[in-house]
Protein backbone atom coordinates (compact mmCIF):
# COMPACT_ATOMS: atom_id res chain seq x y z
CA MET A 1 37.27 -37.74 -2.13
CA SER A 2 33.33 -37.92 -1.28
CA THR A 3 30.88 -37.80 -4.77
CA LEU A 4 27.35 -36.56 -4.03
CA ASP A 5 24.54 -36.43 -6.23
CA VAL A 6 23.66 -32.47 -7.20
CA HIS A 7 19.50 -32.51 -7.57
CA ASN A 8 17.09 -30.01 -9.03
CA ARG A 9 14.02 -28.31 -7.75
CA SER A 10 12.12 -31.36 -9.36
CA GLY A 11 14.33 -34.25 -8.13
CA ASP A 12 16.72 -35.14 -11.11
CA VAL A 13 20.17 -35.50 -10.83
CA LEU A 14 21.98 -33.27 -12.69
CA HIS A 15 25.74 -33.96 -12.01
CA ALA A 16 27.81 -35.60 -9.15
CA LYS A 17 30.08 -33.22 -7.00
CA GLU A 18 33.29 -33.98 -5.34
CA LEU A 19 33.70 -33.00 -1.82
CA ALA A 20 37.06 -33.56 0.07
CA ALA A 21 37.06 -36.70 2.29
CA ALA A 22 38.33 -34.13 5.15
CA PHE A 23 35.42 -32.37 5.03
CA THR A 24 32.62 -35.14 4.75
CA GLU A 25 34.53 -38.32 6.06
CA ALA A 26 36.33 -36.64 9.34
CA GLU A 27 36.09 -38.03 12.92
CA VAL A 28 32.97 -37.63 14.69
CA ASN A 29 33.53 -36.30 17.88
CA GLY A 30 30.79 -36.99 20.31
CA PRO A 31 31.60 -35.48 23.53
CA VAL A 32 32.50 -32.20 21.89
CA ILE A 33 29.10 -32.37 20.09
CA HIS A 34 27.19 -32.72 23.07
CA GLN A 35 29.12 -29.98 25.02
CA CYS A 36 28.49 -27.32 22.27
CA VAL A 37 24.80 -28.58 21.99
CA VAL A 38 24.55 -28.19 26.07
CA ALA A 39 26.25 -25.10 25.69
CA TYR A 40 23.97 -24.06 22.81
CA LEU A 41 20.64 -24.57 25.06
CA ALA A 42 22.19 -22.62 27.92
CA ASN A 43 22.82 -20.00 26.23
CA GLN A 44 19.47 -19.32 24.96
CA ARG A 45 18.03 -19.12 28.52
CA GLN A 46 16.97 -15.57 29.91
CA GLY A 47 17.37 -16.29 33.58
CA THR A 48 14.77 -13.80 34.69
CA ALA A 49 13.15 -16.15 36.89
CA SER A 50 12.52 -14.60 40.30
CA THR A 51 10.87 -15.13 43.45
CA LYS A 52 10.19 -13.40 47.05
CA SER A 53 12.13 -14.25 50.06
CA ARG A 54 10.57 -14.18 53.52
CA SER A 55 12.53 -10.69 53.63
CA GLU A 56 10.69 -9.50 50.74
CA VAL A 57 7.19 -10.27 50.57
CA ARG A 58 4.80 -8.22 52.28
CA GLY A 59 3.22 -8.59 55.94
CA SER A 60 4.21 -7.99 59.16
CA GLY A 61 7.12 -9.52 61.28
CA ARG A 62 5.18 -10.04 64.50
CA LYS A 63 5.08 -13.67 65.64
CA LEU A 64 1.56 -14.71 65.29
CA TYR A 65 1.50 -16.53 68.81
CA ARG A 66 3.09 -16.82 72.02
CA GLN A 67 5.96 -19.64 72.03
CA LYS A 68 4.31 -21.80 74.65
CA GLY A 69 1.33 -22.62 76.48
CA THR A 70 -1.17 -23.05 73.20
CA GLY A 71 -0.78 -26.53 72.48
CA ARG A 72 -0.32 -25.91 69.10
CA ALA A 73 3.58 -26.09 67.15
CA ARG A 74 5.68 -23.29 67.34
CA VAL A 75 5.40 -20.44 65.00
CA GLY A 76 7.28 -17.45 63.74
CA ASP A 77 5.56 -14.76 61.48
CA ALA A 78 3.20 -15.07 58.69
CA LYS A 79 5.92 -14.57 56.17
CA SER A 80 7.35 -17.96 57.02
CA PRO A 81 8.19 -20.29 54.12
CA ILE A 82 5.89 -23.25 55.02
CA ARG A 83 2.95 -20.66 55.26
CA VAL A 84 0.60 -19.55 52.39
CA HIS A 85 1.46 -16.08 51.54
CA GLY A 86 5.18 -16.51 52.63
CA GLY A 87 8.47 -16.47 51.37
CA VAL A 88 9.82 -19.16 49.10
CA ALA A 89 12.61 -20.55 50.31
CA PHE A 90 15.76 -20.92 47.98
CA GLY A 91 13.79 -19.96 45.44
CA PRO A 92 15.52 -18.38 41.75
CA LYS A 93 16.76 -15.53 41.54
CA PRO A 94 17.92 -13.40 37.89
CA ARG A 95 21.16 -14.83 36.89
CA SER A 96 22.80 -16.04 33.76
CA TYR A 97 23.22 -19.27 32.36
CA ARG A 98 25.81 -18.60 29.78
CA GLN A 99 28.45 -21.11 29.43
CA TYR A 100 31.70 -20.01 26.99
CA THR A 101 32.91 -22.34 24.70
CA PRO A 102 36.20 -21.62 23.17
CA LYS A 103 36.14 -21.05 19.16
CA ARG A 104 38.41 -23.97 18.28
CA VAL A 105 36.02 -26.21 20.47
CA ARG A 106 32.95 -24.84 18.60
CA ARG A 107 34.21 -25.20 15.09
CA LEU A 108 35.08 -28.66 15.89
CA GLY A 109 32.07 -29.93 17.11
CA LEU A 110 29.58 -27.80 13.97
CA HIS A 111 32.73 -29.86 11.72
CA SER A 112 31.73 -33.14 13.64
CA ALA A 113 28.01 -32.82 13.51
CA LEU A 114 28.24 -32.18 9.94
CA ALA A 115 30.26 -34.76 8.70
CA ASP A 116 28.34 -37.26 10.81
CA ARG A 117 25.36 -36.15 8.55
CA PHE A 118 27.28 -36.42 5.81
CA GLN A 119 28.19 -40.05 7.04
CA ASN A 120 24.64 -41.11 7.49
CA GLN A 121 23.23 -39.98 4.05
CA GLN A 122 21.57 -36.89 5.62
CA CYS A 123 22.84 -34.57 3.30
CA ILE A 124 20.93 -33.64 0.10
CA LEU A 125 22.95 -31.14 -2.86
CA VAL A 126 20.56 -29.06 -4.63
CA GLU A 127 21.78 -27.00 -7.30
CA ASP A 128 21.33 -23.00 -6.62
CA PHE A 129 18.30 -21.64 -7.14
CA THR A 130 16.46 -18.35 -6.66
CA LEU A 131 12.59 -17.47 -6.37
CA GLU A 132 11.22 -14.33 -8.47
CA GLN A 133 8.13 -14.60 -5.57
CA PRO A 134 7.59 -16.13 -2.37
CA ARG A 135 6.06 -19.24 -3.10
CA THR A 136 4.89 -21.74 -0.28
CA LYS A 137 4.01 -24.22 -2.71
CA ASP A 138 7.24 -24.39 -4.52
CA MET A 139 9.04 -25.24 -1.68
CA VAL A 140 6.78 -28.11 -0.81
CA ASN A 141 6.57 -29.48 -4.03
CA MET A 142 10.71 -29.15 -4.25
CA LEU A 143 10.57 -31.35 -0.40
CA LYS A 144 8.46 -33.95 -2.09
CA ALA A 145 10.59 -34.55 -5.52
CA LEU A 146 13.36 -34.79 -2.83
CA ASN A 147 11.31 -37.53 -0.33
CA VAL A 148 12.43 -35.34 2.16
CA ASP A 149 10.08 -36.00 5.01
CA GLY A 150 10.69 -34.46 8.69
CA LYS A 151 12.22 -31.81 10.14
CA ALA A 152 14.54 -30.55 7.49
CA LEU A 153 17.22 -27.29 7.10
CA LEU A 154 17.92 -25.71 3.72
CA ILE A 155 21.43 -23.99 3.95
CA LEU A 156 21.80 -21.30 1.50
CA ASP A 157 24.78 -19.53 0.05
CA GLU A 158 23.29 -15.85 0.48
CA HIS A 159 20.41 -14.69 2.21
CA SER A 160 17.03 -14.88 0.21
CA GLN A 161 13.88 -13.08 1.51
CA ASN A 162 11.83 -15.22 -1.06
CA ILE A 163 13.31 -18.42 -0.08
CA ASN A 164 13.16 -17.92 3.42
CA LEU A 165 9.52 -16.65 3.53
CA SER A 166 8.42 -19.31 1.46
CA VAL A 167 9.77 -21.69 3.68
CA ARG A 168 8.53 -20.28 6.99
CA ASN A 169 4.99 -21.55 6.80
CA ILE A 170 6.06 -25.32 6.53
CA PRO A 171 6.39 -27.21 9.86
CA GLN A 172 9.86 -27.81 10.81
CA VAL A 173 11.10 -27.24 7.58
CA HIS A 174 13.80 -23.75 8.21
CA CYS A 175 16.08 -22.08 6.21
CA CYS A 176 19.89 -20.14 7.20
CA THR A 177 23.17 -19.56 5.12
CA TRP A 178 26.32 -21.25 5.72
CA ASN A 179 27.82 -18.81 7.57
CA THR A 180 25.09 -18.42 10.33
CA LEU A 181 24.88 -22.04 10.73
CA ASN A 182 25.06 -23.35 14.41
CA ILE A 183 25.55 -27.08 15.74
CA TYR A 184 21.93 -27.07 17.23
CA GLN A 185 20.36 -26.61 13.56
CA VAL A 186 22.82 -29.58 12.42
CA MET A 187 21.58 -31.69 15.01
CA TRP A 188 18.23 -30.84 15.61
CA HIS A 189 16.95 -31.71 11.80
CA ASP A 190 16.59 -34.99 10.51
CA THR A 191 17.68 -33.73 7.10
CA LEU A 192 20.02 -30.96 5.62
CA ILE A 193 19.29 -29.80 1.91
CA ILE A 194 22.38 -27.93 0.88
CA THR A 195 22.59 -25.83 -2.21
CA GLU A 196 25.73 -26.15 -4.20
CA LYS A 197 27.94 -23.31 -3.20
CA ALA A 198 26.68 -23.31 0.29
CA ALA A 199 28.74 -26.73 0.13
CA GLU A 200 31.54 -25.19 -1.54
CA LYS A 201 31.85 -22.68 0.82
CA LEU A 202 31.80 -24.99 3.64
CA GLU A 203 34.21 -27.14 2.53
CA SER A 204 36.67 -24.37 2.44
CA LYS A 205 35.89 -23.80 5.93
CA PHE A 206 37.14 -26.67 7.25
CA VAL A 207 39.70 -28.07 4.70
CA ASN A 208 42.80 -26.57 4.39
CA ILE A 209 43.02 -24.23 7.27
CA ASP A 210 45.87 -23.11 9.17
CA PRO A 211 45.38 -24.42 12.67
CA ASP A 212 46.97 -21.77 14.29
CA ALA A 213 44.59 -19.03 12.50
CA GLU A 214 42.12 -17.42 14.08
CA GLY A 215 39.36 -17.11 11.15
């Protein structure tokens, strides 16, 4: 078992929380993490870049001048790729950059990324809390109390509109729920701030799961 302190929004330690070693101390599989991150970034690409070839640009197909006798280099029509306003040779065309990653590989990658953050003391547990109204100042004060600097991700056990609105104006600080968490978010942020219930749900997701189950 791994023991982590649970803090309140003032930074005070309330109690200790035990998490399964199979969750926090799992082996970190670097190649799988890399594969999942590369696939995630590739899947974000729209693939809409497009250029016109020499057969698609507007213009005449007439040879500009005769082949021989002028002393100049031989040349074709004005749509040649080597001429201004000509077509583009081997330019991009709309395509899909999507990479398929098996569900078990994505699951292993996320588990490895979370384990890496736990093992490097980059996870902070906080008590479950709500905000009566959106207030960015409250979230800034919480980050200062927890000594969080740089890129931080707040992981909640359930969606909270007030917390989302309070976080979105803080540079490099984001918010998500435990069931929408992806490996790129884990790796991009320097610190993970996880609510107690969200940590329990993530633990149950990766521990004591039948390997043949689809969920």
